[in-house]
């Protein structure tokens, strides 16, 4: 019984950590010095030479990898 209570107390903390981990934001800086905020880590597709990410509004963006100067946590 004590173990079950302990697990129930731990469950909200685990849920918060899991949900917060997927909400990371990244700052994508392009070679023309403009920036964009990405929700989640951008993915680099080496076959097509592109980087794909969701912008701050949740729209999927795909850009050529050569046009990206840096990707940093925000």
C-alpha atoms as a PDB file:
ATOM      1  CA  UNK A   1       0.000   0.000   0.000  1.00  0.00           C
ATOM      2  CA  UNK A   2       2.804   2.438   0.855  1.00  0.00           C
ATOM      3  CA  UNK A   3       4.491   1.719  -2.450  1.00  0.00           C
ATOM      4  CA  UNK A   4       1.307   2.541  -4.381  1.00  0.00           C
ATOM      5  CA  UNK A   5       0.973   5.902  -2.590  1.00  0.00           C
ATOM      6  CA  UNK A   6       4.606   6.706  -3.340  1.00  0.00           C
ATOM      7  CA  UNK A   7       4.092   5.942  -7.039  1.00  0.00           C
ATOM      8  CA  UNK A   8       0.978   8.128  -7.188  1.00  0.00           C
ATOM      9  CA  UNK A   9       2.932  11.041  -5.715  1.00  0.00           C
ATOM     10  CA  UNK A  10       5.717  10.549  -8.226  1.00  0.00           C
ATOM     11  CA  UNK A  11       3.419  10.391 -11.273  1.00  0.00           C
ATOM     12  CA  UNK A  12       2.730  14.181 -11.594  1.00  0.00           C
ATOM     13  CA  UNK A  13       6.458  14.945 -11.467  1.00  0.00           C
ATOM     14  CA  UNK A  14       7.206  12.422 -14.195  1.00  0.00           C
ATOM     15  CA  UNK A  15       4.419  13.837 -16.384  1.00  0.00           C
ATOM     16  CA  UNK A  16       5.721  17.387 -16.000  1.00  0.00           C
ATOM     17  CA  UNK A  17       9.251  16.345 -16.949  1.00  0.00           C
ATOM     18  CA  UNK A  18       8.079  14.414 -20.003  1.00  0.00           C
ATOM     19  CA  UNK A  19       5.862  17.239 -21.248  1.00  0.00           C
ATOM     20  CA  UNK A  20       8.478  19.923 -20.607  1.00  0.00           C
ATOM     21  CA  UNK A  21      11.114  17.943 -22.509  1.00  0.00           C
ATOM     22  CA  UNK A  22       9.117  18.122 -25.735  1.00  0.00           C
ATOM     23  CA  UNK A  23       8.568  21.874 -25.507  1.00  0.00           C
ATOM     24  CA  UNK A  24      12.138  22.966 -26.109  1.00  0.00           C
ATOM     25  CA  UNK A  25      12.628  26.003 -28.335  1.00  0.00           C
ATOM     26  CA  UNK A  26      15.553  26.608 -30.646  1.00  0.00           C
ATOM     27  CA  UNK A  27      16.792  29.762 -32.346  1.00  0.00           C
ATOM     28  CA  UNK A  28      17.563  29.142 -36.021  1.00  0.00           C
ATOM     29  CA  UNK A  29      19.856  31.781 -37.523  1.00  0.00           C
ATOM     30  CA  UNK A  30      20.096  31.963 -41.299  1.00  0.00           C
ATOM     31  CA  UNK A  31      23.060  33.115 -43.384  1.00  0.00           C
ATOM     32  CA  UNK A  32      21.266  36.400 -44.163  1.00  0.00           C
ATOM     33  CA  UNK A  33      21.192  37.083 -40.361  1.00  0.00           C
ATOM     34  CA  UNK A  34      17.422  36.602 -39.993  1.00  0.00           C
ATOM     35  CA  UNK A  35      16.199  34.316 -37.230  1.00  0.00           C
ATOM     36  CA  UNK A  36      13.302  31.996 -36.587  1.00  0.00           C
ATOM     37  CA  UNK A  37      12.127  30.209 -33.444  1.00  0.00           C
ATOM     38  CA  UNK A  38      11.695  26.458 -33.745  1.00  0.00           C
ATOM     39  CA  UNK A  39       9.434  24.428 -31.483  1.00  0.00           C
ATOM     40  CA  UNK A  40      11.360  21.228 -30.843  1.00  0.00           C
ATOM     41  CA  UNK A  41      14.733  20.275 -32.217  1.00  0.00           C
ATOM     42  CA  UNK A  42      15.138  20.867 -35.973  1.00  0.00           C
ATOM     43  CA  UNK A  43      15.892  17.742 -38.019  1.00  0.00           C
ATOM     44  CA  UNK A  44      18.661  17.648 -40.607  1.00  0.00           C
ATOM     45  CA  UNK A  45      17.994  15.374 -43.598  1.00  0.00           C
ATOM     46  CA  UNK A  46      21.375  14.684 -45.159  1.00  0.00           C
ATOM     47  CA  UNK A  47      19.894  12.935 -48.210  1.00  0.00           C
ATOM     48  CA  UNK A  48      17.960  15.997 -49.341  1.00  0.00           C
ATOM     49  CA  UNK A  49      20.236  18.606 -47.736  1.00  0.00           C
ATOM     50  CA  UNK A  50      17.386  20.245 -45.841  1.00  0.00           C
ATOM     51  CA  UNK A  51      16.503  21.175 -42.282  1.00  0.00           C
ATOM     52  CA  UNK A  52      12.901  20.756 -41.153  1.00  0.00           C
ATOM     53  CA  UNK A  53      11.306  22.318 -38.081  1.00  0.00           C
ATOM     54  CA  UNK A  54       8.030  23.711 -36.752  1.00  0.00           C
ATOM     55  CA  UNK A  55       8.050  27.472 -36.339  1.00  0.00           C
ATOM     56  CA  UNK A  56       6.596  29.401 -33.393  1.00  0.00           C
ATOM     57  CA  UNK A  57       3.103  29.220 -34.919  1.00  0.00           C
ATOM     58  CA  UNK A  58       3.332  25.447 -35.421  1.00  0.00           C
ATOM     59  CA  UNK A  59       3.804  25.563 -39.203  1.00  0.00           C
ATOM     60  CA  UNK A  60       6.225  23.056 -40.730  1.00  0.00           C
ATOM     61  CA  UNK A  61       9.212  24.789 -42.354  1.00  0.00           C
ATOM     62  CA  UNK A  62      11.767  23.136 -44.644  1.00  0.00           C
ATOM     63  CA  UNK A  63      14.850  25.117 -45.606  1.00  0.00           C
ATOM     64  CA  UNK A  64      18.101  24.269 -47.409  1.00  0.00           C
ATOM     65  CA  UNK A  65      20.820  23.324 -44.923  1.00  0.00           C
ATOM     66  CA  UNK A  66      23.319  25.691 -46.556  1.00  0.00           C
ATOM     67  CA  UNK A  67      21.095  28.647 -45.647  1.00  0.00           C
ATOM     68  CA  UNK A  68      21.270  27.880 -41.906  1.00  0.00           C
ATOM     69  CA  UNK A  69      24.178  29.414 -40.027  1.00  0.00           C
ATOM     70  CA  UNK A  70      23.417  28.091 -36.535  1.00  0.00           C
ATOM     71  CA  UNK A  71      20.852  26.326 -34.362  1.00  0.00           C
ATOM     72  CA  UNK A  72      20.958  27.119 -30.643  1.00  0.00           C
ATOM     73  CA  UNK A  73      18.721  26.357 -27.664  1.00  0.00           C
ATOM     74  CA  UNK A  74      16.547  29.379 -26.912  1.00  0.00           C
END
